[in-house]
Amino acid sequence: MSQFYTKMNGIFSGQKSINNTFLNLIGLHIFRILVGRFFYKIRSRMMFSEFTKEQKILRKDGIIIIKDFFPDDKFKAIKKEFDNVKNNDGFYSEIIDGDSIWTRYKFNRSQFVNIPNAINLLSDPRVIELIYAGEARQVTPNAIWFDEVSYPEKKIKNKHESSKAEGLHVDVFYHAHKAMYFMNDVRDEDGPFNFSPGSHHLFFKRLWFEYKKSITNSDLIATEKEESILGLKNIEASVPANTLVIFDGCGFHKRGNASIGGKRSAIFLQFRYNPFSLKIQI
């Protein structure tokens, strides 16, 4: 009996997939997508009678790009903090993904005091309102990351190894938002972020894509043929420094093509919670 409850808890959770071919074949993964979206609609009605203009954009397109987000003096203070991150006691990690290297400093909530300028992002009403609207609940981030992705020649000198992030993909089957606040200009050669507006919505072809991937236990990465069938059209975030991008991780997105020596630097936030809940405050 305990194994049964464990399995059911795994199904109705924020886990990306169900590790059971038979359950996927009979459509349980699709069922939980529909149930998760139903809960999302209920929460939305509980929280909002109307949306602001920017909230409507995020809900409709699955992405919003806001340039010149902070006044210049506030941006410079955050940028200085970012550039001196080694002195701020974050948890450091390095991730090698194909031809790219991610260097990441993670700050948990107890360490926010070490980055007083960066956490202005978390208290800015525009960020709060957008995340609340996207998630359809009031949430507080548990961590903030200082990220830099680079493409050094030594990693791809003799053989180019593709990064998984280069494929057009979705993170999870439910609405789960991310925010990136860029510290430097993002050029075409820096592998700019790509997103397919509107692809976070449910439609028959999207459900069929999810079903096929579930029964083969595959990553949710679209092939070129699947991109065409799904009708995915990307926008590219080649943006100046001091730009905020918030997007829905259940929409199709990828890292753009990068050149040797390219680099992206951003403060990163992630919001991912169990979709099968009517709680509007977490």
Protein backbone atom coordinates (compact mmCIF):
# COMPACT_ATOMS: atom_id res chain seq x y z
CA MET A 1 0.00 0.00 0.00
CA SER A 2 2.83 2.42 0.82
CA GLN A 3 4.35 1.82 -2.63
CA PHE A 4 0.99 2.70 -4.21
CA TYR A 5 0.82 6.02 -2.37
CA THR A 6 4.44 6.76 -3.23
CA LYS A 7 3.70 6.19 -6.92
CA MET A 8 0.56 8.36 -6.83
CA ASN A 9 2.47 11.15 -5.08
CA GLY A 10 5.08 10.94 -7.82
CA ILE A 11 2.43 11.21 -10.52
CA PHE A 12 0.68 14.21 -9.00
CA SER A 13 3.83 16.17 -8.33
CA GLY A 14 6.09 18.58 -10.15
CA GLN A 15 8.24 15.77 -11.53
CA LYS A 16 8.94 16.20 -15.23
CA SER A 17 7.76 12.75 -16.28
CA ILE A 18 6.16 9.51 -15.14
CA ASN A 19 8.68 6.69 -15.18
CA ASN A 20 6.16 4.06 -16.24
CA THR A 21 5.60 3.14 -19.89
CA PHE A 22 2.19 1.55 -19.37
CA LEU A 23 0.80 4.54 -17.47
CA ASN A 24 2.07 6.84 -20.19
CA LEU A 25 0.59 4.64 -22.92
CA ILE A 26 -2.87 4.90 -21.39
CA GLY A 27 -2.47 8.68 -21.26
CA LEU A 28 -1.81 9.42 -17.60
CA HIS A 29 0.86 12.00 -18.45
CA ILE A 30 -1.65 13.85 -20.65
CA PHE A 31 -4.25 13.58 -17.91
CA ARG A 32 -1.97 15.23 -15.38
CA ILE A 33 -1.18 18.03 -17.85
CA LEU A 34 -4.89 18.77 -18.13
CA VAL A 35 -5.43 18.56 -14.37
CA GLY A 36 -2.46 20.86 -13.74
CA ARG A 37 -3.86 23.43 -16.18
CA PHE A 38 -7.27 23.19 -14.52
CA PHE A 39 -5.73 23.99 -11.14
CA TYR A 40 -3.87 26.89 -12.75
CA LYS A 41 -7.13 28.37 -14.07
CA ILE A 42 -8.79 28.05 -10.69
CA ARG A 43 -5.88 29.82 -8.96
CA SER A 44 -5.96 32.56 -11.59
CA ARG A 45 -9.62 33.24 -10.94
CA MET A 46 -9.04 33.24 -7.20
CA MET A 47 -6.21 35.79 -7.45
CA PHE A 48 -7.07 38.13 -10.31
CA SER A 49 -10.09 40.02 -11.55
CA GLU A 50 -7.99 41.72 -14.21
CA PHE A 51 -4.39 41.91 -15.37
CA THR A 52 -2.05 44.81 -16.09
CA LYS A 53 -0.77 45.38 -19.63
CA GLU A 54 2.55 43.70 -18.88
CA GLN A 55 0.88 40.77 -17.12
CA LYS A 56 -1.34 40.25 -20.17
CA ILE A 57 1.73 40.11 -22.42
CA LEU A 58 3.40 37.48 -20.24
CA ARG A 59 0.24 35.37 -20.01
CA LYS A 60 -0.44 35.62 -23.75
CA ASP A 61 3.09 35.21 -25.17
CA GLY A 62 4.79 33.30 -22.37
CA ILE A 63 7.60 35.87 -22.39
CA ILE A 64 8.14 39.54 -21.71
CA ILE A 65 11.29 41.58 -22.44
CA ILE A 66 11.75 44.88 -20.60
CA LYS A 67 14.74 47.01 -21.56
CA ASP A 68 16.24 49.74 -19.34
CA PHE A 69 14.64 48.02 -16.39
CA PHE A 70 16.39 49.95 -13.63
CA PRO A 71 17.67 53.56 -13.54
CA ASP A 72 21.33 53.76 -14.52
CA ASP A 73 22.64 54.30 -10.99
CA LYS A 74 20.79 51.27 -9.63
CA PHE A 75 21.96 49.12 -12.55
CA LYS A 76 25.59 50.15 -11.98
CA ALA A 77 25.34 49.19 -8.30
CA ILE A 78 23.98 45.75 -9.21
CA LYS A 79 26.61 45.34 -11.92
CA LYS A 80 29.40 46.16 -9.45
CA GLU A 81 28.02 43.56 -7.07
CA PHE A 82 27.85 41.00 -9.88
CA ASP A 83 31.43 41.70 -10.98
CA ASN A 84 32.67 41.25 -7.41
CA VAL A 85 30.63 38.15 -6.69
CA LYS A 86 33.67 36.17 -5.51
CA ASN A 87 33.72 38.36 -2.41
CA ASN A 88 30.07 37.74 -1.53
CA ASP A 89 30.07 34.20 -0.12
CA GLY A 90 27.84 32.45 -2.65
CA PHE A 91 27.95 28.71 -3.43
CA TYR A 92 30.15 28.32 -6.49
CA SER A 93 29.68 25.65 -9.16
CA GLU A 94 30.91 25.04 -12.69
CA ILE A 95 28.86 23.15 -15.28
CA ILE A 96 30.28 21.93 -18.57
CA ASP A 97 27.52 21.49 -21.16
CA GLY A 98 28.80 20.59 -24.63
CA ASP A 99 30.82 23.56 -25.88
CA SER A 100 29.73 25.85 -23.06
CA ILE A 101 30.87 26.41 -19.49
CA TRP A 102 28.48 27.79 -16.87
CA THR A 103 29.97 29.45 -13.82
CA ARG A 104 27.34 29.94 -11.17
CA TYR A 105 27.17 31.55 -7.74
CA LYS A 106 24.05 30.59 -5.82
CA PHE A 107 22.73 32.63 -2.90
CA ASN A 108 20.10 31.09 -0.64
CA ARG A 109 17.61 33.25 1.20
CA SER A 110 19.80 33.34 4.32
CA GLN A 111 22.60 34.83 2.18
CA PHE A 112 20.56 37.58 0.53
CA VAL A 113 22.07 40.03 3.00
CA ASN A 114 25.35 39.59 1.11
CA ILE A 115 23.86 40.95 -2.14
CA PRO A 116 21.73 43.95 -1.09
CA ASN A 117 21.68 45.50 -4.57
CA ALA A 118 20.80 42.36 -6.54
CA ILE A 119 17.88 41.53 -4.29
CA ASN A 120 16.25 44.76 -5.44
CA LEU A 121 14.99 42.51 -8.22
CA LEU A 122 13.01 40.49 -5.70
CA SER A 123 11.35 43.51 -4.15
CA ASP A 124 10.56 45.40 -7.35
CA PRO A 125 6.76 45.56 -7.77
CA ARG A 126 6.99 44.93 -11.53
CA VAL A 127 8.85 41.66 -10.99
CA ILE A 128 6.54 40.59 -8.18
CA GLU A 129 3.37 41.33 -10.16
CA LEU A 130 4.64 39.55 -13.27
CA ILE A 131 5.70 36.43 -11.39
CA TYR A 132 2.43 36.33 -9.45
CA ALA A 133 0.48 36.58 -12.71
CA GLY A 134 2.61 33.97 -14.45
CA GLU A 135 2.47 31.46 -11.61
CA ALA A 136 -1.08 32.32 -10.54
CA ARG A 137 0.04 32.41 -6.92
CA GLN A 138 2.14 34.49 -4.56
CA VAL A 139 5.61 32.99 -4.36
CA THR A 140 8.89 33.92 -2.74
CA PRO A 141 12.14 32.76 -4.36
CA ASN A 142 14.37 30.57 -2.26
CA ALA A 143 17.54 31.41 -4.18
CA ILE A 144 19.12 33.78 -6.68
CA TRP A 145 21.95 32.92 -9.05
CA PHE A 146 24.75 34.96 -10.62
CA ASP A 147 25.35 33.17 -13.92
CA GLU A 148 27.91 33.46 -16.67
CA VAL A 149 28.01 31.16 -19.69
CA SER A 150 31.03 31.25 -21.97
CA TYR A 151 32.31 29.42 -25.03
CA PRO A 152 36.10 29.06 -24.75
CA GLU A 153 38.11 27.84 -27.73
CA LYS A 154 39.79 25.06 -25.74
CA LYS A 155 36.44 23.28 -25.35
CA ILE A 156 35.62 23.10 -29.07
CA LYS A 157 39.02 23.34 -30.77
CA ASN A 158 39.00 19.88 -32.33
CA LYS A 159 35.39 18.76 -32.03
CA HIS A 160 32.16 20.63 -31.50
CA GLU A 161 29.94 18.95 -28.93
CA SER A 162 26.39 20.27 -28.91
CA SER A 163 24.85 21.49 -25.71
CA LYS A 164 21.42 20.13 -24.79
CA ALA A 165 20.34 23.75 -24.38
CA GLU A 166 20.84 24.28 -28.13
CA GLY A 167 17.78 22.14 -28.91
CA LEU A 168 14.35 23.75 -28.80
CA HIS A 169 12.82 22.28 -25.65
CA VAL A 170 10.44 22.72 -22.74
CA ASP A 171 11.50 22.38 -19.10
CA VAL A 172 8.32 20.94 -17.60
CA PHE A 173 4.69 20.25 -18.51
CA TYR A 174 3.26 23.03 -16.31
CA HIS A 175 3.70 26.79 -15.99
CA ALA A 176 7.06 27.45 -14.30
CA HIS A 177 8.71 30.80 -14.82
CA LYS A 178 12.29 31.99 -14.99
CA ALA A 179 13.78 35.47 -15.01
CA MET A 180 17.08 36.68 -16.43
CA TYR A 181 18.44 40.16 -15.77
CA PHE A 182 21.37 40.81 -18.10
CA MET A 183 24.57 42.42 -16.87
CA ASN A 184 26.11 42.93 -20.33
CA ASP A 185 24.89 43.45 -23.86
CA VAL A 186 23.91 40.14 -25.48
CA ARG A 187 25.22 40.00 -29.05
CA ASP A 188 24.38 37.49 -31.79
CA GLU A 189 27.66 35.70 -31.15
CA ASP A 190 26.88 35.28 -27.43
CA GLY A 191 24.28 32.57 -27.95
CA PRO A 192 21.22 34.74 -27.19
CA PHE A 193 18.16 33.21 -25.61
CA ASN A 194 15.44 32.04 -28.05
CA PHE A 195 11.75 31.61 -27.26
CA SER A 196 8.67 30.64 -29.27
CA PRO A 197 5.87 33.00 -28.18
CA GLY A 198 2.55 31.33 -27.44
CA SER A 199 4.07 27.84 -27.26
CA HIS A 200 3.26 27.60 -23.54
CA HIS A 201 -0.45 27.25 -24.36
CA LEU A 202 -2.12 23.88 -24.79
CA PHE A 203 -3.17 22.79 -28.25
CA PHE A 204 -3.69 19.37 -29.81
CA LYS A 205 -0.28 19.12 -31.52
CA ARG A 206 1.45 20.09 -28.28
CA LEU A 207 -0.41 17.37 -26.40
CA TRP A 208 0.52 14.83 -29.09
CA PHE A 209 4.17 15.91 -28.77
CA GLU A 210 4.02 15.39 -25.01
CA TYR A 211 2.36 11.99 -25.44
CA LYS A 212 4.97 10.73 -27.91
CA LYS A 213 7.82 11.85 -25.69
CA SER A 214 6.23 10.30 -22.60
CA ILE A 215 5.82 6.81 -24.09
CA THR A 216 9.46 6.77 -25.22
CA ASN A 217 10.66 8.40 -21.98
CA SER A 218 12.48 11.04 -24.05
CA ASP A 219 13.61 14.55 -23.20
CA LEU A 220 11.13 17.21 -24.29
CA ILE A 221 13.37 18.40 -27.14
CA ALA A 222 11.77 19.07 -30.52
CA THR A 223 13.34 17.75 -33.72
CA GLU A 224 13.35 19.98 -36.81
CA LYS A 225 10.34 18.04 -38.12
CA GLU A 226 8.50 18.48 -34.83
CA GLU A 227 9.30 22.21 -34.82
CA SER A 228 7.65 22.47 -38.23
CA ILE A 229 4.61 20.42 -37.20
CA LEU A 230 4.16 22.48 -34.03
CA GLY A 231 4.54 25.72 -36.01
CA LEU A 232 7.18 27.12 -33.68
CA LYS A 233 8.53 30.57 -34.54
CA ASN A 234 11.32 31.95 -32.37
CA ILE A 235 12.25 35.40 -31.21
CA GLU A 236 15.85 36.06 -30.16
CA ALA A 237 16.81 38.08 -27.09
CA SER A 238 19.82 39.98 -28.45
CA VAL A 239 19.35 42.71 -25.88
CA PRO A 240 21.34 45.45 -24.15
CA ALA A 241 22.53 45.28 -20.57
CA ASN A 242 19.92 46.22 -17.95
CA THR A 243 17.25 44.15 -19.71
CA LEU A 244 14.89 41.87 -17.82
CA VAL A 245 13.47 38.76 -19.51
CA ILE A 246 10.77 36.70 -17.80
CA PHE A 247 9.52 33.58 -19.56
CA ASP A 248 7.45 30.46 -19.00
CA GLY A 249 9.58 27.31 -18.92
CA CYS A 250 6.77 25.21 -20.36
CA GLY A 251 7.10 27.19 -23.60
CA PHE A 252 9.65 26.10 -26.21
CA HIS A 253 13.02 27.79 -25.84
CA LYS A 254 16.72 27.25 -26.47
CA ARG A 255 20.16 28.80 -26.41
CA GLY A 256 21.08 30.47 -29.68
CA ASN A 257 24.17 29.75 -31.75
CA ALA A 258 27.33 31.05 -30.12
CA SER A 259 30.81 31.82 -31.39
CA ILE A 260 34.15 31.13 -29.72
CA GLY A 261 34.71 33.80 -27.12
CA GLY A 262 31.01 34.55 -26.72
CA LYS A 263 29.66 35.18 -23.23
CA ARG A 264 26.39 35.90 -21.44
CA SER A 265 26.14 37.29 -17.92
CA ALA A 266 22.88 37.49 -15.99
CA ILE A 267 21.22 37.33 -12.62
CA PHE A 268 18.86 34.38 -12.70
CA LEU A 269 15.67 33.49 -10.82
CA GLN A 270 13.63 30.30 -11.05
CA PHE A 271 10.10 29.50 -9.91
CA ARG A 272 8.99 25.87 -10.01
CA TYR A 273 6.25 24.55 -7.74
CA ASN A 274 3.84 21.63 -7.62
CA PRO A 275 1.10 22.36 -10.21
CA PHE A 276 -1.52 20.28 -8.37
CA SER A 277 -2.27 22.79 -5.64
CA LEU A 278 -4.89 25.47 -5.10
CA LYS A 279 -2.72 27.35 -2.60
CA ILE A 280 -2.29 30.91 -3.82
CA GLN A 281 0.52 31.72 -1.41
CA ILE A 282 3.73 29.70 -1.03
